Structures are given as structure tokens and as C-alpha cells.
Protein backbone atom coordinates (compact mmCIF):
# COMPACT_ATOMS: atom_id res chain seq x y z
CA UNK A 1 -11.71 2.04 66.49
CA UNK A 2 -11.45 0.44 62.53
CA UNK A 3 -9.58 1.66 59.78
CA UNK A 4 -10.99 4.20 57.58
CA UNK A 5 -11.07 4.24 53.96
CA UNK A 6 -12.18 7.59 51.70
CA UNK A 7 -13.75 6.38 48.81
CA UNK A 8 -13.72 9.19 46.15
CA UNK A 9 -15.98 8.47 43.27
CA UNK A 10 -19.19 10.27 41.13
CA UNK A 11 -20.34 6.87 39.74
CA UNK A 12 -23.24 6.29 42.44
CA UNK A 13 -23.07 2.48 41.68
CA UNK A 14 -19.04 1.97 42.08
CA UNK A 15 -19.24 4.50 45.42
CA UNK A 16 -21.94 2.27 46.63
CA UNK A 17 -20.16 -1.21 45.60
CA UNK A 18 -16.89 -0.03 46.68
CA UNK A 19 -18.19 1.04 50.27
CA UNK A 20 -20.57 -1.38 50.73
CA UNK A 21 -17.60 -4.18 50.23
CA UNK A 22 -14.99 -2.11 52.57
CA UNK A 23 -17.86 -2.08 55.54
CA UNK A 24 -19.03 -5.46 55.32
CA UNK A 25 -14.95 -6.74 56.25
CA UNK A 26 -14.92 -3.92 59.10
CA UNK A 27 -13.77 -0.86 57.36
CA UNK A 28 -15.62 2.65 58.57
CA UNK A 29 -15.48 4.69 55.66
CA UNK A 30 -16.35 8.09 54.08
CA UNK A 31 -17.58 9.38 50.80
CA UNK A 32 -16.96 12.01 48.03
CA UNK A 33 -18.29 12.23 44.92
CA UNK A 34 -15.70 14.83 43.30
CA UNK A 35 -11.94 15.82 43.99
CA UNK A 36 -12.58 19.04 46.22
CA UNK A 37 -15.01 16.43 48.50
CA UNK A 38 -12.71 14.04 48.83
CA UNK A 39 -9.26 16.68 49.65
CA UNK A 40 -11.89 18.55 52.36
CA UNK A 41 -13.30 14.92 54.17
CA UNK A 42 -9.08 13.85 53.67
CA UNK A 43 -7.97 17.29 55.72
CA UNK A 44 -10.97 16.73 58.22
CA UNK A 45 -10.99 13.09 58.80
CA UNK A 46 -7.04 11.87 57.83
CA UNK A 47 -8.44 8.68 56.72
CA UNK A 48 -5.50 5.74 57.04
CA UNK A 49 -6.27 5.10 53.20
CA UNK A 50 -7.82 6.96 50.52
CA UNK A 51 -9.09 5.24 47.17
CA UNK A 52 -9.85 7.80 44.06
CA UNK A 53 -10.81 7.71 40.53
CA UNK A 54 -9.25 9.21 38.18
CA UNK A 55 -12.12 10.63 36.12
CA UNK A 56 -13.42 12.88 38.11
CA UNK A 57 -15.35 16.29 38.22
CA UNK A 58 -13.75 19.52 38.93
CA UNK A 59 -10.65 18.44 40.65
CA UNK A 60 -9.34 15.30 38.63
CA UNK A 61 -7.52 12.06 39.84
CA UNK A 62 -4.26 13.74 39.43
CA UNK A 63 -4.95 16.91 40.89
CA UNK A 64 -6.06 15.21 44.08
CA UNK A 65 -2.52 13.24 44.13
CA UNK A 66 -0.74 15.59 43.94
CA UNK A 67 -2.08 18.09 46.72
CA UNK A 68 -2.40 14.88 48.81
CA UNK A 69 1.34 14.29 48.95
CA UNK A 70 2.16 17.92 48.96
CA UNK A 71 0.31 17.96 52.30
CA UNK A 72 2.54 17.56 54.69
CA UNK A 73 -0.07 15.78 57.23
CA UNK A 74 -1.38 13.62 54.95
CA UNK A 75 1.41 13.09 52.36
CA UNK A 76 1.96 9.51 54.47
CA UNK A 77 -2.07 7.95 53.53
CA UNK A 78 -1.50 5.30 51.13
CA UNK A 79 -3.21 6.47 47.77
CA UNK A 80 -4.77 4.11 45.37
CA UNK A 81 -6.52 5.02 42.04
CA UNK A 82 -9.40 2.95 40.86
CA UNK A 83 -9.83 3.29 37.24
CA UNK A 84 -10.77 2.17 33.83
CA UNK A 85 -8.25 3.79 32.21
CA UNK A 86 -6.42 0.97 30.60
CA UNK A 87 -3.80 2.75 27.96
CA UNK A 88 -0.49 2.64 27.20
CA UNK A 89 1.47 4.85 29.54
CA UNK A 90 -1.32 5.43 31.75
CA UNK A 91 0.11 3.51 34.66
CA UNK A 92 3.05 5.17 34.71
CA UNK A 93 1.49 8.54 35.00
CA UNK A 94 -0.73 7.32 37.62
CA UNK A 95 2.69 5.98 39.53
CA UNK A 96 4.07 9.51 38.65
CA UNK A 97 1.17 11.55 40.29
CA UNK A 98 1.85 10.01 43.41
CA UNK A 99 -0.08 7.41 43.76
CA UNK A 100 1.23 3.88 45.20
CA UNK A 101 -1.16 1.57 43.46
CA UNK A 102 -3.95 0.87 41.36
CA UNK A 103 -6.95 -1.50 40.59
CA UNK A 104 -8.34 -1.59 37.45
CA UNK A 105 -12.00 -0.96 36.81
CA UNK A 106 -14.63 -2.99 36.80
CA UNK A 107 -13.42 -3.89 40.28
CA UNK A 108 -13.55 -7.85 41.44
CA UNK A 109 -15.42 -8.39 44.58
CA UNK A 110 -14.53 -10.62 45.79
CA UNK A 111 -10.68 -9.45 45.75
CA UNK A 112 -11.21 -6.05 45.92
CA UNK A 113 -10.64 -5.54 50.28
CA UNK A 114 -7.37 -8.16 49.74
CA UNK A 115 -5.96 -5.55 46.90
CA UNK A 116 -7.09 -2.88 49.21
CA UNK A 117 -5.66 -4.28 52.49
CA UNK A 118 -2.50 -4.76 50.37
CA UNK A 119 -2.10 -0.71 50.94
CA UNK A 120 -2.31 -1.21 54.98
CA UNK A 121 0.04 -2.39 57.66
CA UNK A 122 -1.07 -5.18 59.15
CA UNK A 123 -2.13 -3.70 62.69
CA UNK A 124 -4.61 -1.58 60.13
CA UNK A 125 -6.59 -4.72 58.28
CA UNK A 126 -9.76 -5.57 59.36
CA UNK A 127 -10.59 -9.90 60.27
CA UNK A 128 -13.08 -10.50 57.83
CA UNK A 129 -16.34 -10.90 59.92
CA UNK A 130 -16.94 -14.39 61.74
CA UNK A 131 -19.55 -16.41 59.83
CA UNK A 132 -20.86 -20.20 59.97
CA UNK A 133 -22.82 -22.21 57.09
CA UNK A 134 -26.26 -20.96 57.67
CA UNK A 135 -25.67 -17.15 58.40
CA UNK A 136 -23.42 -14.32 57.55
CA UNK A 137 -24.02 -10.91 58.61
CA UNK A 138 -21.18 -8.80 56.37
CA UNK A 139 -23.02 -5.45 57.09
CA UNK A 140 -23.80 -4.46 60.37
CA UNK A 141 -28.10 -4.12 61.51
CA UNK A 142 -28.76 -5.93 58.12
CA UNK A 143 -31.53 -8.80 58.27
CA UNK A 144 -29.91 -11.83 59.31
CA UNK A 145 -28.94 -13.84 55.91
CA UNK A 146 -30.68 -17.37 55.37
CA UNK A 147 -29.64 -20.19 52.16
CA UNK A 148 -32.08 -19.72 50.50
CA UNK A 149 -30.76 -20.99 47.01
CA UNK A 150 -33.77 -18.99 44.96
CA UNK A 151 -32.30 -17.97 41.50
CA UNK A 152 -32.51 -13.96 40.87
CA UNK A 153 -31.80 -13.03 37.63
CA UNK A 154 -29.89 -9.63 36.87
CA UNK A 155 -30.09 -7.61 34.01
CA UNK A 156 -28.45 -4.74 32.97
CA UNK A 157 -25.95 -3.52 31.35
CA UNK A 158 -23.67 -1.88 32.98
CA UNK A 159 -21.14 -4.53 34.35
CA UNK A 160 -21.04 -2.45 38.18
CA UNK A 161 -24.33 -2.72 38.76
CA UNK A 162 -24.70 -6.46 37.93
CA UNK A 163 -21.96 -6.54 40.54
CA UNK A 164 -23.12 -4.04 43.39
CA UNK A 165 -26.52 -6.42 43.02
CA UNK A 166 -24.39 -9.78 43.47
CA UNK A 167 -22.44 -8.53 46.19
CA UNK A 168 -25.77 -7.72 48.57
CA UNK A 169 -27.66 -10.79 47.38
CA UNK A 170 -24.91 -13.86 47.35
CA UNK A 171 -24.24 -13.39 50.83
CA UNK A 172 -27.52 -14.40 51.76
CA UNK A 173 -27.97 -17.38 50.14
CA UNK A 174 -29.28 -16.50 46.41
CA UNK A 175 -28.17 -17.84 43.45
CA UNK A 176 -27.33 -14.94 41.15
CA UNK A 177 -27.06 -15.25 37.35
CA UNK A 178 -26.73 -11.76 34.90
CA UNK A 179 -27.56 -10.74 31.54
CA UNK A 180 -25.86 -7.98 30.05
CA UNK A 181 -29.31 -7.26 27.12
CA UNK A 182 -33.01 -8.06 27.29
CA UNK A 183 -31.95 -11.14 24.53
CA UNK A 184 -29.58 -12.84 26.42
CA UNK A 185 -31.95 -12.63 29.66
CA UNK A 186 -34.68 -14.14 27.62
CA UNK A 187 -31.69 -17.18 25.94
CA UNK A 188 -31.14 -17.69 29.69
CA UNK A 189 -34.57 -18.40 30.60
CA UNK A 190 -34.77 -20.94 28.31
CA UNK A 191 -32.67 -23.44 30.54
CA UNK A 192 -32.91 -21.56 33.82
CA UNK A 193 -36.55 -20.41 35.70
CA UNK A 194 -35.41 -17.50 38.00
CA UNK A 195 -37.29 -17.29 41.21
CA UNK A 196 -37.03 -12.87 40.59
CA UNK A 197 -35.80 -10.91 37.78
CA UNK A 198 -34.21 -7.82 38.90
CA UNK A 199 -34.44 -5.45 35.88
CA UNK A 200 -32.70 -2.33 34.35
CA UNK A 201 -34.98 0.23 32.19
CA UNK A 202 -33.12 1.65 30.15
CA UNK A 203 -30.26 -0.62 27.79
CA UNK A 204 -28.85 -0.52 24.48
CA UNK A 205 -31.56 -2.53 21.76
CA UNK A 206 -34.50 -4.02 23.55
CA UNK A 207 -35.45 -1.78 26.82
CA UNK A 208 -36.77 -3.85 30.48
CA UNK A 209 -40.23 -2.95 29.71
CA UNK A 210 -40.29 -5.54 26.33
CA UNK A 211 -38.59 -8.04 28.81
CA UNK A 212 -41.28 -7.84 31.41
CA UNK A 213 -43.99 -8.52 28.91
CA UNK A 214 -41.57 -11.61 26.90
CA UNK A 215 -41.72 -12.54 30.68
CA UNK A 216 -45.38 -12.32 31.50
CA UNK A 217 -46.54 -13.89 28.38
CA UNK A 218 -44.32 -17.13 29.03
CA UNK A 219 -46.28 -19.33 31.37
CA UNK A 220 -42.98 -21.21 32.68
CA UNK A 221 -41.53 -17.84 33.84
CA UNK A 222 -44.91 -15.63 34.22
CA UNK A 223 -44.90 -16.68 38.25
CA UNK A 224 -41.51 -15.13 38.69
CA UNK A 225 -41.16 -11.88 40.76
CA UNK A 226 -40.21 -8.86 39.16
CA UNK A 227 -38.15 -5.61 40.15
CA UNK A 228 -37.37 -2.51 38.02
CA UNK A 229 -34.10 -1.30 39.63
CA UNK A 230 -33.83 2.07 37.06
CA UNK A 231 -30.84 4.85 36.89
CA UNK A 232 -32.69 7.69 35.91
CA UNK A 233 -35.80 9.51 36.63
CA UNK A 234 -39.01 8.32 35.31
CA UNK A 235 -42.08 9.86 36.02
CA UNK A 236 -45.16 8.18 37.60
CA UNK A 237 -46.98 7.05 34.35
CA UNK A 238 -44.07 5.00 33.61
CA UNK A 239 -44.01 3.63 37.09
CA UNK A 240 -47.51 2.50 36.64
CA UNK A 241 -47.04 0.84 33.15
CA UNK A 242 -44.69 -0.72 34.91
CA UNK A 243 -46.54 -2.46 37.48
CA UNK A 244 -49.63 -2.87 35.37
CA UNK A 245 -47.52 -4.88 32.58
CA UNK A 246 -46.73 -7.12 35.93
CA UNK A 247 -43.83 -5.37 38.16
CA UNK A 248 -43.93 -6.07 41.46
CA UNK A 249 -41.52 -2.79 42.20
CA UNK A 250 -40.00 -0.05 40.79
CA UNK A 251 -37.14 1.06 42.71
CA UNK A 252 -34.85 3.85 42.21
CA UNK A 253 -30.89 3.83 42.42
CA UNK A 254 -28.99 4.47 44.80
CA UNK A 255 -30.85 2.41 47.05
CA UNK A 256 -29.64 1.62 50.12
CA UNK A 257 -28.50 -2.19 50.71
CA UNK A 258 -30.31 -3.26 53.35
CA UNK A 259 -34.36 -2.15 51.83
CA UNK A 260 -33.52 -3.54 48.66
CA UNK A 261 -32.63 -6.66 50.52
CA UNK A 262 -35.47 -5.91 52.50
CA UNK A 263 -38.33 -5.02 49.30
CA UNK A 264 -36.65 -8.51 47.40
CA UNK A 265 -38.05 -10.59 50.55
CA UNK A 266 -41.10 -9.09 50.72
CA UNK A 267 -41.82 -9.61 46.88
CA UNK A 268 -40.92 -13.44 47.04
CA UNK A 269 -42.96 -13.46 50.22
CA UNK A 270 -45.93 -12.52 48.52
CA UNK A 271 -45.11 -14.82 45.48
CA UNK A 272 -44.89 -18.17 47.98
CA UNK A 273 -40.73 -18.31 47.84
CA UNK A 274 -39.31 -17.50 50.81
């Protein structure tokens, strides 16, 4: 049986990214969005490793560590903090709380699993799933990969959201470029014409609707497929506005990676960019 990793993280995008990456390398995962739920899962499943955020609702990561290390059944499980804390003294406090190590946020999708495996015994580590030059199925049940070479521009002010989409698309041959704002995206499109733009709605300064209007008014860009990938709920009127302006899809997070891939494929096919 594959080693099981329990991920305790209250940010949906971070939780989805970490579990997706771990599963891509063959690990089984369990998820909890708060400290109490994480402790309950740990006691029930006794995982091989626990990854835990520090800033959690109810019980924070420090308290989770204290209780895990005080439990005779669980205190031998490697415990890794994944945290954005970077102040002087934070590392010492994290280690003193009982963590065996920590990984800084935002995580690097290319190195995250390797960093996690350093805390597992060699026999607990999963070998990377086989791949060849044209196909790669990092997620069981996902559609077969194709080396499309199509460029997709992802526009979002949160790096974790960009990295999540990148980790889903790049194994399937898509070339992902990114921008953290509308102005940055517009500057990028002066040199690159993407086959698709995936954009958040609410960003500092100009929003996704304004970017969509600019893109559709630019002849060189008007044929690009467009997907809104929004983090906050929206009204039916807002969805209709997006579609009226020329968006192909309006998707709310969190979204299953396989669903997102199918939606992207459908939009590109509809525009003759398969």
C-alpha cells in the first residue's frame, strides 16, 4: 500500500495543490482544514507523515504539534510545517513545538514532494510514476496527456493559485505563463498570443472583467479561449455578464483537477485549438 500523508491546511488552493502533487507521485492523502479535524484524522488513520500549516482556525499548528507529540501512538510520525512565517525566531519556535522540519510558502511544485520525502524512510517513499516522451498520467483516472504545446496565460494575484493551475496543466503539455495583475497580463500579450486565458475575477486595481474587455477588443487576442476561475461566490447576473463579454466558462474554486482539464480541453476544441 502507498504511504499516507495527512495534510492539514485551511487554504483551499494550498490544500488542493499539495494533495495533487503528492497523489501525482503515488502517495495516498487525507485532508483536514483545521487543527481539530487534523488530530481526529491522525488518530483514526495513523498516517506515515503529517504536513501541517501553522496558522489554522481553532487549534493552530503549534497546538497540533504539541498534542501529536504527546500521544504515544502518534509521536513517532514525522511532522512537517508548511508555513509563510519567516520572522526571526519563527524557525526555532516551530522546531521547539515538536515539528521535525518545515517548508516555506509558497511551495515550489517542482521540489515539494522531494522535500517531503526527506522525512520518510526509504522504503516508505513512492517511486515517480512511469512516463515517456508523449504521455504522462500523474493523477489516476485523469485523461491521457498530450504534448499540445499550446500556451495558456494564467492571471491571478495569488501565487498559490497560479502554481496550482500550472501543476495541473504542464504535465499535459501546455505551456503556462502567468501574470499577477491585469496590467501585467496586457503587457505580456504584446509579445505572446495565448491560446487561452484563465483569469481570476477580483484582483487589486483592474479586475478580470476589464481584462476580458481589453482582450476581446484586440484583434490579435480576440480568438483566445477564456475561462474565469474565481475564488469568491458570484451572482447569476455576474456570470451572465462574463459570458456576454465573451468568456467561455465561469468556474468556481475549489475545482477538481480532472474537471478543470476537461473544461479547458472543451473550450480549446470549440475554438479549433485542440
